[in-house]
PDB file of all heavy atoms in Angstrom:
ATOM      1  N   PHE A   1      -5.318  15.532 -69.782  1.00  0.00           N
ATOM      2  CA  PHE A   1      -4.346  14.686 -70.325  1.00  0.00           C
ATOM      3  C   PHE A   1      -3.105  15.399 -70.942  1.00  0.00           C
ATOM      4  O   PHE A   1      -3.218  16.570 -71.269  1.00  0.00           O
ATOM      5  CB  PHE A   1      -5.015  13.835 -71.465  1.00  0.00           C
ATOM      6  CG  PHE A   1      -5.866  12.693 -70.961  1.00  0.00           C
ATOM      7  CD1 PHE A   1      -7.222  12.993 -70.523  1.00  0.00           C
ATOM      8  CD2 PHE A   1      -5.511  11.432 -70.873  1.00  0.00           C
ATOM      9  CE1 PHE A   1      -8.035  12.088 -70.076  1.00  0.00           C
ATOM     10  CE2 PHE A   1      -6.285  10.444 -70.430  1.00  0.00           C
ATOM     11  CZ  PHE A   1      -7.599  10.754 -70.009  1.00  0.00           C
ATOM     12  N   TYR A   2      -2.056  14.722 -70.941  1.00  0.00           N
ATOM     13  CA  TYR A   2      -0.875  15.156 -71.743  1.00  0.00           C
ATOM     14  C   TYR A   2      -0.956  14.363 -73.078  1.00  0.00           C
ATOM     15  O   TYR A   2      -1.022  13.141 -72.974  1.00  0.00           O
ATOM     16  CB  TYR A   2       0.387  14.829 -71.070  1.00  0.00           C
ATOM     17  CG  TYR A   2       0.689  15.699 -69.896  1.00  0.00           C
ATOM     18  CD1 TYR A   2       0.866  15.235 -68.690  1.00  0.00           C
ATOM     19  CD2 TYR A   2       0.999  17.099 -70.152  1.00  0.00           C
ATOM     20  CE1 TYR A   2       1.213  16.114 -67.685  1.00  0.00           C
ATOM     21  CE2 TYR A   2       1.323  17.931 -69.085  1.00  0.00           C
ATOM     22  CZ  TYR A   2       1.467  17.465 -67.772  1.00  0.00           C
ATOM     23  OH  TYR A   2       1.791  18.290 -66.875  1.00  0.00           O
ATOM     24  N   GLU A   3      -1.148  14.972 -74.122  1.00  0.00           N
ATOM     25  CA  GLU A   3      -1.163  14.257 -75.517  1.00  0.00           C
ATOM     26  C   GLU A   3       0.141  14.478 -76.286  1.00  0.00           C
ATOM     27  O   GLU A   3       0.891  15.426 -76.061  1.00  0.00           O
ATOM     28  CB  GLU A   3      -2.393  14.851 -76.285  1.00  0.00           C
ATOM     29  CG  GLU A   3      -3.633  14.849 -75.584  1.00  0.00           C
ATOM     30  CD  GLU A   3      -4.277  13.423 -75.534  1.00  0.00           C
ATOM     31  OE1 GLU A   3      -3.632  12.511 -76.014  1.00  0.00           O
ATOM     32  OE2 GLU A   3      -5.427  13.368 -74.972  1.00  0.00           O
ATOM     33  N   MET A   4       0.326  13.420 -76.979  1.00  0.00           N
ATOM     34  CA  MET A   4       1.555  13.428 -77.922  1.00  0.00           C
ATOM     35  C   MET A   4       0.918  13.204 -79.311  1.00  0.00           C
ATOM     36  O   MET A   4      -0.031  12.478 -79.546  1.00  0.00           O
ATOM     37  CB  MET A   4       2.456  12.361 -77.626  1.00  0.00           C
ATOM     38  CG  MET A   4       3.263  12.621 -76.406  1.00  0.00           C
ATOM     39  SD  MET A   4       3.338  11.252 -75.258  1.00  0.00           S
ATOM     40  CE  MET A   4       1.805  11.559 -74.347  1.00  0.00           C
ATOM     41  N   PHE A   5       1.525  13.888 -80.342  1.00  0.00           N
ATOM     42  CA  PHE A   5       1.011  13.833 -81.723  1.00  0.00           C
ATOM     43  C   PHE A   5       2.103  13.380 -82.726  1.00  0.00           C
ATOM     44  O   PHE A   5       3.358  13.476 -82.430  1.00  0.00           O
ATOM     45  CB  PHE A   5       0.445  15.104 -82.195  1.00  0.00           C
ATOM     46  CG  PHE A   5      -0.739  15.547 -81.361  1.00  0.00           C
ATOM     47  CD1 PHE A   5      -0.529  16.479 -80.227  1.00  0.00           C
ATOM     48  CD2 PHE A   5      -1.913  15.022 -81.545  1.00  0.00           C
ATOM     49  CE1 PHE A   5      -1.588  16.899 -79.488  1.00  0.00           C
ATOM     50  CE2 PHE A   5      -3.032  15.568 -80.751  1.00  0.00           C
ATOM     51  CZ  PHE A   5      -2.887  16.412 -79.746  1.00  0.00           C
ATOM     52  N   PHE A   6       1.601  13.018 -83.970  1.00  0.00           N
ATOM     53  CA  PHE A   6       2.585  12.638 -85.015  1.00  0.00           C
ATOM     54  C   PHE A   6       3.627  11.602 -84.577  1.00  0.00           C
ATOM     55  O   PHE A   6       3.275  10.656 -83.988  1.00  0.00           O
ATOM     56  CB  PHE A   6       3.135  13.871 -85.614  1.00  0.00           C
ATOM     57  CG  PHE A   6       2.147  14.753 -86.164  1.00  0.00           C
ATOM     58  CD1 PHE A   6       1.829  16.062 -85.513  1.00  0.00           C
ATOM     59  CD2 PHE A   6       1.251  14.529 -87.214  1.00  0.00           C
ATOM     60  CE1 PHE A   6       0.843  16.996 -86.000  1.00  0.00           C
ATOM     61  CE2 PHE A   6       0.373  15.369 -87.816  1.00  0.00           C
ATOM     62  CZ  PHE A   6       0.097  16.562 -87.073  1.00  0.00           C
ATOM     63  N   GLU A   7       4.891  11.880 -84.889  1.00  0.00           N
ATOM     64  CA  GLU A   7       5.965  10.935 -84.632  1.00  0.00           C
ATOM     65  C   GLU A   7       6.198  10.657 -83.117  1.00  0.00           C
ATOM     66  O   GLU A   7       6.483   9.547 -82.691  1.00  0.00           O
ATOM     67  CB  GLU A   7       7.267  11.422 -85.167  1.00  0.00           C
ATOM     68  CG  GLU A   7       7.339  11.494 -86.710  1.00  0.00           C
ATOM     69  CD  GLU A   7       6.848  10.199 -87.335  1.00  0.00           C
ATOM     70  OE1 GLU A   7       7.435   9.132 -86.859  1.00  0.00           O
ATOM     71  OE2 GLU A   7       6.097  10.047 -88.314  1.00  0.00           O
ATOM     72  N   ASP A   8       5.956  11.714 -82.321  1.00  0.00           N
ATOM     73  CA  ASP A   8       6.045  11.396 -80.865  1.00  0.00           C
ATOM     74  C   ASP A   8       5.013  10.460 -80.313  1.00  0.00           C
ATOM     75  O   ASP A   8       5.278   9.672 -79.503  1.00  0.00           O
ATOM     76  CB  ASP A   8       5.792  12.838 -80.112  1.00  0.00           C
ATOM     77  CG  ASP A   8       7.072  13.590 -80.071  1.00  0.00           C
ATOM     78  OD1 ASP A   8       8.081  13.247 -80.609  1.00  0.00           O
ATOM     79  OD2 ASP A   8       6.983  14.817 -79.456  1.00  0.00           O
ATOM     80  N   ALA A   9       3.892  10.539 -80.956  1.00  0.00           N
ATOM     81  CA  ALA A   9       2.761   9.624 -80.538  1.00  0.00           C
ATOM     82  C   ALA A   9       3.100   8.264 -80.931  1.00  0.00           C
ATOM     83  O   ALA A   9       2.906   7.224 -80.125  1.00  0.00           O
ATOM     84  CB  ALA A   9       1.424  10.022 -81.165  1.00  0.00           C
ATOM     85  N   LYS A  10       3.619   7.947 -82.162  1.00  0.00           N
ATOM     86  CA  LYS A  10       3.978   6.731 -82.573  1.00  0.00           C
ATOM     87  C   LYS A  10       5.068   6.115 -81.681  1.00  0.00           C
ATOM     88  O   LYS A  10       5.034   4.906 -81.310  1.00  0.00           O
ATOM     89  CB  LYS A  10       4.408   6.747 -84.038  1.00  0.00           C
ATOM     90  CG  LYS A  10       3.452   7.118 -85.053  1.00  0.00           C
ATOM     91  CD  LYS A  10       3.901   7.249 -86.454  1.00  0.00           C
ATOM     92  CE  LYS A  10       2.888   7.756 -87.379  1.00  0.00           C
ATOM     93  NZ  LYS A  10       3.424   7.830 -88.783  1.00  0.00           N
ATOM     94  N   LEU A  11       6.115   6.945 -81.342  1.00  0.00           N
ATOM     95  CA  LEU A  11       7.200   6.537 -80.449  1.00  0.00           C
ATOM     96  C   LEU A  11       6.724   6.079 -79.195  1.00  0.00           C
ATOM     97  O   LEU A  11       7.095   5.060 -78.706  1.00  0.00           O
ATOM     98  CB  LEU A  11       8.307   7.533 -80.458  1.00  0.00           C
ATOM     99  CG  LEU A  11       9.624   7.252 -79.817  1.00  0.00           C
ATOM    100  CD1 LEU A  11      10.650   8.075 -80.337  1.00  0.00           C
ATOM    101  CD2 LEU A  11       9.548   7.489 -78.288  1.00  0.00           C
ATOM    102  N   VAL A  12       6.010   6.985 -78.545  1.00  0.00           N
ATOM    103  CA  VAL A  12       5.437   6.730 -77.135  1.00  0.00           C
ATOM    104  C   VAL A  12       4.552   5.520 -77.051  1.00  0.00           C
ATOM    105  O   VAL A  12       4.670   4.658 -76.185  1.00  0.00           O
ATOM    106  CB  VAL A  12       4.754   7.913 -76.541  1.00  0.00           C
ATOM    107  CG1 VAL A  12       4.180   7.617 -75.174  1.00  0.00           C
ATOM    108  CG2 VAL A  12       5.892   9.045 -76.441  1.00  0.00           C
ATOM    109  N   SER A  13       3.758   5.378 -78.241  1.00  0.00           N
ATOM    110  CA  SER A  13       2.793   4.181 -78.243  1.00  0.00           C
ATOM    111  C   SER A  13       3.591   2.882 -78.294  1.00  0.00           C
ATOM    112  O   SER A  13       3.253   1.985 -77.613  1.00  0.00           O
ATOM    113  CB  SER A  13       1.909   4.365 -79.493  1.00  0.00           C
ATOM    114  OG  SER A  13       1.060   3.234 -79.700  1.00  0.00           O
ATOM    115  N   ARG A  14       4.595   2.859 -79.129  1.00  0.00           N
ATOM    116  CA  ARG A  14       5.403   1.759 -79.137  1.00  0.00           C
ATOM    117  C   ARG A  14       6.281   1.432 -77.971  1.00  0.00           C
ATOM    118  O   ARG A  14       6.268   0.299 -77.394  1.00  0.00           O
ATOM    119  CB  ARG A  14       6.423   1.937 -80.354  1.00  0.00           C
ATOM    120  CG  ARG A  14       7.284   0.668 -80.655  1.00  0.00           C
ATOM    121  CD  ARG A  14       8.168   0.953 -81.899  1.00  0.00           C
ATOM    122  NE  ARG A  14       9.126   2.032 -81.687  1.00  0.00           N
ATOM    123  CZ  ARG A  14       9.091   3.138 -82.267  1.00  0.00           C
ATOM    124  NH1 ARG A  14       8.139   3.494 -83.052  1.00  0.00           N
ATOM    125  NH2 ARG A  14      10.127   4.025 -82.117  1.00  0.00           N
ATOM    126  N   GLU A  15       6.838   2.413 -77.314  1.00  0.00           N
ATOM    127  CA  GLU A  15       7.734   2.250 -76.213  1.00  0.00           C
ATOM    128  C   GLU A  15       7.050   1.906 -74.932  1.00  0.00           C
ATOM    129  O   GLU A  15       7.501   1.182 -74.075  1.00  0.00           O
ATOM    130  CB  GLU A  15       8.608   3.549 -75.897  1.00  0.00           C
ATOM    131  CG  GLU A  15       9.657   3.754 -77.089  1.00  0.00           C
ATOM    132  CD  GLU A  15      10.800   2.760 -76.996  1.00  0.00           C
ATOM    133  OE1 GLU A  15      10.863   2.046 -75.988  1.00  0.00           O
ATOM    134  OE2 GLU A  15      11.717   2.775 -77.908  1.00  0.00           O
ATOM    135  N   LEU A  16       5.844   2.507 -74.703  1.00  0.00           N
ATOM    136  CA  LEU A  16       5.083   2.306 -73.485  1.00  0.00           C
ATOM    137  C   LEU A  16       3.821   1.494 -73.687  1.00  0.00           C
ATOM    138  O   LEU A  16       3.074   1.324 -72.725  1.00  0.00           O
ATOM    139  CB  LEU A  16       4.634   3.607 -72.888  1.00  0.00           C
ATOM    140  CG  LEU A  16       5.709   4.688 -72.601  1.00  0.00           C
ATOM    141  CD1 LEU A  16       5.083   6.033 -71.949  1.00  0.00           C
ATOM    142  CD2 LEU A  16       6.768   4.157 -71.705  1.00  0.00           C
ATOM    143  N   GLU A  17       3.648   0.923 -74.932  1.00  0.00           N
ATOM    144  CA  GLU A  17       2.567   0.025 -75.275  1.00  0.00           C
ATOM    145  C   GLU A  17       1.212   0.712 -74.946  1.00  0.00           C
ATOM    146  O   GLU A  17       0.266   0.112 -74.318  1.00  0.00           O
ATOM    147  CB  GLU A  17       2.638  -1.296 -74.506  1.00  0.00           C
ATOM    148  CG  GLU A  17       3.972  -2.076 -74.836  1.00  0.00           C
ATOM    149  CD  GLU A  17       4.167  -3.389 -74.071  1.00  0.00           C
ATOM    150  OE1 GLU A  17       3.278  -3.599 -73.103  1.00  0.00           O
ATOM    151  OE2 GLU A  17       5.085  -4.062 -74.288  1.00  0.00           O
ATOM    152  N   LEU A  18       1.109   1.929 -75.294  1.00  0.00           N
ATOM    153  CA  LEU A  18      -0.159   2.707 -75.299  1.00  0.00           C
ATOM    154  C   LEU A  18      -0.959   2.664 -76.630  1.00  0.00           C
ATOM    155  O   LEU A  18      -0.344   2.413 -77.625  1.00  0.00           O
ATOM    156  CB  LEU A  18       0.080   4.142 -74.896  1.00  0.00           C
ATOM    157  CG  LEU A  18       0.850   4.445 -73.620  1.00  0.00           C
ATOM    158  CD1 LEU A  18       1.118   5.964 -73.395  1.00  0.00           C
ATOM    159  CD2 LEU A  18       0.020   3.854 -72.401  1.00  0.00           C
ATOM    160  N   THR A  19      -2.341   2.784 -76.464  1.00  0.00           N
ATOM    161  CA  THR A  19      -3.128   2.810 -77.657  1.00  0.00           C
ATOM    162  C   THR A  19      -2.930   3.978 -78.501  1.00  0.00           C
ATOM    163  O   THR A  19      -2.871   5.153 -78.053  1.00  0.00           O
ATOM    164  CB  THR A  19      -4.594   2.722 -77.271  1.00  0.00           C
ATOM    165  OG1 THR A  19      -4.808   1.549 -76.408  1.00  0.00           O
ATOM    166  CG2 THR A  19      -5.474   2.611 -78.498  1.00  0.00           C
ATOM    167  N   LEU A  20      -2.628   3.833 -79.803  1.00  0.00           N
ATOM    168  CA  LEU A  20      -2.414   4.832 -80.749  1.00  0.00           C
ATOM    169  C   LEU A  20      -3.839   5.280 -81.335  1.00  0.00           C
ATOM    170  O   LEU A  20      -4.468   4.469 -81.979  1.00  0.00           O
ATOM    171  CB  LEU A  20      -1.504   4.510 -81.808  1.00  0.00           C
ATOM    172  CG  LEU A  20      -1.063   5.583 -82.810  1.00  0.00           C
ATOM    173  CD1 LEU A  20      -0.403   6.700 -82.045  1.00  0.00           C
ATOM    174  CD2 LEU A  20      -0.227   4.996 -83.980  1.00  0.00           C
ATOM    175  N   THR A  21      -4.281   6.484 -81.225  1.00  0.00           N
ATOM    176  CA  THR A  21      -5.568   6.944 -81.706  1.00  0.00           C
ATOM    177  C   THR A  21      -5.296   8.078 -82.795  1.00  0.00           C
ATOM    178  O   THR A  21      -4.141   8.152 -83.313  1.00  0.00           O
ATOM    179  CB  THR A  21      -6.498   7.372 -80.640  1.00  0.00           C
ATOM    180  OG1 THR A  21      -5.901   8.502 -79.939  1.00  0.00           O
ATOM    181  CG2 THR A  21      -6.747   6.376 -79.621  1.00  0.00           C
ATOM    182  N   GLY A  22      -6.238   8.867 -83.071  1.00  0.00           N
ATOM    183  CA  GLY A  22      -6.001   9.940 -83.974  1.00  0.00           C
ATOM    184  C   GLY A  22      -6.925  11.164 -83.631  1.00  0.00           C
ATOM    185  O   GLY A  22      -7.891  11.030 -82.846  1.00  0.00           O
ATOM    186  N   ARG A  23      -6.533  12.309 -84.178  1.00  0.00           N
ATOM    187  CA  ARG A  23      -7.322  13.513 -83.899  1.00  0.00           C
ATOM    188  C   ARG A  23      -7.455  14.424 -85.090  1.00  0.00           C
ATOM    189  O   ARG A  23      -6.443  14.501 -85.838  1.00  0.00           O
ATOM    190  CB  ARG A  23      -6.618  14.338 -82.762  1.00  0.00           C
ATOM    191  CG  ARG A  23      -7.442  15.614 -82.335  1.00  0.00           C
ATOM    192  CD  ARG A  23      -6.615  16.409 -81.292  1.00  0.00           C
ATOM    193  NE  ARG A  23      -7.287  17.596 -81.001  1.00  0.00           N
ATOM    194  CZ  ARG A  23      -8.073  17.742 -79.872  1.00  0.00           C
ATOM    195  NH1 ARG A  23      -8.253  16.666 -79.066  1.00  0.00           N
ATOM    196  NH2 ARG A  23      -8.626  18.861 -79.638  1.00  0.00           N
ATOM    197  N   GLU A  24      -8.655  14.999 -85.409  1.00  0.00           N
ATOM    198  CA  GLU A  24      -8.699  15.881 -86.506  1.00  0.00           C
ATOM    199  C   GLU A  24      -7.699  17.063 -86.335  1.00  0.00           C
ATOM    200  O   GLU A  24      -7.568  17.658 -85.323  1.00  0.00           O
ATOM    201  CB  GLU A  24     -10.075  16.407 -86.600  1.00  0.00           C
ATOM    202  CG  GLU A  24     -11.143  15.349 -86.857  1.00  0.00           C
ATOM    203  CD  GLU A  24     -10.987  14.688 -88.160  1.00  0.00           C
ATOM    204  OE1 GLU A  24     -10.357  15.274 -89.037  1.00  0.00           O
ATOM    205  OE2 GLU A  24     -11.391  13.492 -88.361  1.00  0.00           O
ATOM    206  N   CYS A  25      -6.885  17.305 -87.417  1.00  0.00           N
ATOM    207  CA  CYS A  25      -5.924  18.452 -87.249  1.00  0.00           C
ATOM    208  C   CYS A  25      -5.970  19.307 -88.425  1.00  0.00           C
ATOM    209  O   CYS A  25      -5.050  20.217 -88.514  1.00  0.00           O
ATOM    210  CB  CYS A  25      -4.612  17.648 -87.192  1.00  0.00           C
ATOM    211  SG  CYS A  25      -4.073  16.763 -88.639  1.00  0.00           S
ATOM    212  N   GLY A  26      -6.906  19.316 -89.244  1.00  0.00           N
ATOM    213  CA  GLY A  26      -6.992  20.203 -90.438  1.00  0.00           C
ATOM    214  C   GLY A  26      -6.404  19.550 -91.691  1.00  0.00           C
ATOM    215  O   GLY A  26      -6.576  20.189 -92.747  1.00  0.00           O
ATOM    216  N   LEU A  27      -5.685  18.366 -91.582  1.00  0.00           N
ATOM    217  CA  LEU A  27      -5.217  17.742 -92.756  1.00  0.00           C
ATOM    218  C   LEU A  27      -6.230  16.739 -93.258  1.00  0.00           C
ATOM    219  O   LEU A  27      -7.097  16.358 -92.608  1.00  0.00           O
ATOM    220  CB  LEU A  27      -3.754  17.107 -92.352  1.00  0.00           C
ATOM    221  CG  LEU A  27      -2.671  17.989 -91.938  1.00  0.00           C
ATOM    222  CD1 LEU A  27      -1.440  17.269 -91.640  1.00  0.00           C
ATOM    223  CD2 LEU A  27      -2.472  19.164 -92.945  1.00  0.00           C
ATOM    224  N   ALA A  28      -5.863  16.109 -94.433  1.00  0.00           N
ATOM    225  CA  ALA A  28      -6.724  15.100 -95.025  1.00  0.00           C
ATOM    226  C   ALA A  28      -6.804  13.882 -94.027  1.00  0.00           C
ATOM    227  O   ALA A  28      -7.857  13.212 -93.850  1.00  0.00           O
ATOM    228  CB  ALA A  28      -6.243  14.720 -96.403  1.00  0.00           C
ATOM    229  N   GLU A  29      -5.656  13.494 -93.445  1.00  0.00           N
ATOM    230  CA  GLU A  29      -5.608  12.437 -92.571  1.00  0.00           C
ATOM    231  C   GLU A  29      -5.466  12.917 -91.022  1.00  0.00           C
ATOM    232  O   GLU A  29      -4.928  13.917 -90.861  1.00  0.00           O
ATOM    233  CB  GLU A  29      -4.419  11.478 -92.856  1.00  0.00           C
ATOM    234  CG  GLU A  29      -4.498  10.807 -94.183  1.00  0.00           C
ATOM    235  CD  GLU A  29      -3.279   9.798 -94.345  1.00  0.00           C
ATOM    236  OE1 GLU A  29      -2.551   9.636 -93.428  1.00  0.00           O
ATOM    237  OE2 GLU A  29      -3.208   9.317 -95.498  1.00  0.00           O
ATOM    238  N   ARG A  30      -6.104  12.093 -90.207  1.00  0.00           N
ATOM    239  CA  ARG A  30      -6.051  12.527 -88.773  1.00  0.00           C
ATOM    240  C   ARG A  30      -4.596  12.446 -88.213  1.00  0.00           C
ATOM    241  O   ARG A  30      -3.816  11.573 -88.733  1.00  0.00           O
ATOM    242  CB  ARG A  30      -7.018  11.613 -87.996  1.00  0.00           C
ATOM    243  CG  ARG A  30      -8.388  11.752 -88.344  1.00  0.00           C
ATOM    244  CD  ARG A  30      -9.302  10.752 -87.629  1.00  0.00           C
ATOM    245  NE  ARG A  30      -9.091  10.740 -86.156  1.00  0.00           N
ATOM    246  CZ  ARG A  30     -10.006  10.318 -85.282  1.00  0.00           C
ATOM    247  NH1 ARG A  30     -11.085   9.783 -85.761  1.00  0.00           N
ATOM    248  NH2 ARG A  30      -9.687  10.401 -84.025  1.00  0.00           N
ATOM    249  N   ALA A  31      -4.230  13.293 -87.239  1.00  0.00           N
ATOM    250  CA  ALA A  31      -2.984  13.210 -86.655  1.00  0.00           C
ATOM    251  C   ALA A  31      -2.799  11.994 -85.621  1.00  0.00           C
ATOM    252  O   ALA A  31      -3.768  11.819 -84.835  1.00  0.00           O
ATOM    253  CB  ALA A  31      -2.684  14.437 -85.940  1.00  0.00           C
ATOM    254  N   PRO A  32      -1.823  11.181 -85.842  1.00  0.00           N
ATOM    255  CA  PRO A  32      -1.546  10.075 -84.845  1.00  0.00           C
ATOM    256  C   PRO A  32      -1.526  10.782 -83.418  1.00  0.00           C
ATOM    257  O   PRO A  32      -0.938  11.668 -83.219  1.00  0.00           O
ATOM    258  CB  PRO A  32      -0.281   9.452 -85.267  1.00  0.00           C
ATOM    259  CG  PRO A  32      -0.170   9.821 -86.649  1.00  0.00           C
ATOM    260  CD  PRO A  32      -0.801  11.112 -86.833  1.00  0.00           C
ATOM    261  N   MET A  33      -2.172  10.126 -82.498  1.00  0.00           N
ATOM    262  CA  MET A  33      -2.150  10.722 -81.100  1.00  0.00           C
ATOM    263  C   MET A  33      -2.275   9.583 -80.051  1.00  0.00           C
ATOM    264  O   MET A  33      -2.851   8.580 -80.206  1.00  0.00           O
ATOM    265  CB  MET A  33      -3.511  11.508 -80.981  1.00  0.00           C
ATOM    266  CG  MET A  33      -3.672  12.191 -79.578  1.00  0.00           C
ATOM    267  SD  MET A  33      -5.124  13.172 -79.432  1.00  0.00           S
ATOM    268  CE  MET A  33      -6.313  11.928 -79.144  1.00  0.00           C
ATOM    269  N   CYS A  34      -1.440   9.843 -78.939  1.00  0.00           N
ATOM    270  CA  CYS A  34      -1.722   9.014 -77.794  1.00  0.00           C
ATOM    271  C   CYS A  34      -1.516   9.887 -76.582  1.00  0.00           C
ATOM    272  O   CYS A  34      -0.891  10.902 -76.691  1.00  0.00           O
ATOM    273  CB  CYS A  34      -0.822   7.812 -77.772  1.00  0.00           C
ATOM    274  SG  CYS A  34       0.836   8.181 -77.340  1.00  0.00           S
ATOM    275  N   GLY A  35      -2.137   9.474 -75.425  1.00  0.00           N
ATOM    276  CA  GLY A  35      -2.034  10.376 -74.225  1.00  0.00           C
ATOM    277  C   GLY A  35      -1.945   9.576 -72.949  1.00  0.00           C
ATOM    278  O   GLY A  35      -2.256   8.372 -72.861  1.00  0.00           O
ATOM    279  N   VAL A  36      -1.671  10.392 -71.900  1.00  0.00           N
ATOM    280  CA  VAL A  36      -1.601   9.848 -70.514  1.00  0.00           C
ATOM    281  C   VAL A  36      -2.276  10.786 -69.476  1.00  0.00           C
ATOM    282  O   VAL A  36      -2.174  12.049 -69.778  1.00  0.00           O
ATOM    283  CB  VAL A  36      -0.136   9.568 -70.065  1.00  0.00           C
ATOM    284  CG1 VAL A  36       0.469   8.558 -71.024  1.00  0.00           C
ATOM    285  CG2 VAL A  36       0.687  10.820 -69.984  1.00  0.00           C
ATOM    286  N   PRO A  37      -2.931  10.366 -68.574  1.00  0.00           N
ATOM    287  CA  PRO A  37      -3.514  11.303 -67.596  1.00  0.00           C
ATOM    288  C   PRO A  37      -2.587  12.158 -66.944  1.00  0.00           C
ATOM    289  O   PRO A  37      -1.507  11.678 -66.485  1.00  0.00           O
ATOM    290  CB  PRO A  37      -4.244  10.399 -66.623  1.00  0.00           C
ATOM    291  CG  PRO A  37      -4.377   9.016 -67.248  1.00  0.00           C
ATOM    292  CD  PRO A  37      -3.210   8.937 -68.167  1.00  0.00           C
TER     293      PRO A  37
END
């Protein structure tokens, strides 16, 4: 997969209508993430 994180993930999720998920990143909150094959 090609993954996008943080603001890129939010933008792509909105523009391409993809599901926004999250990934553990070392911070208290998970990093916003979306991806495409």
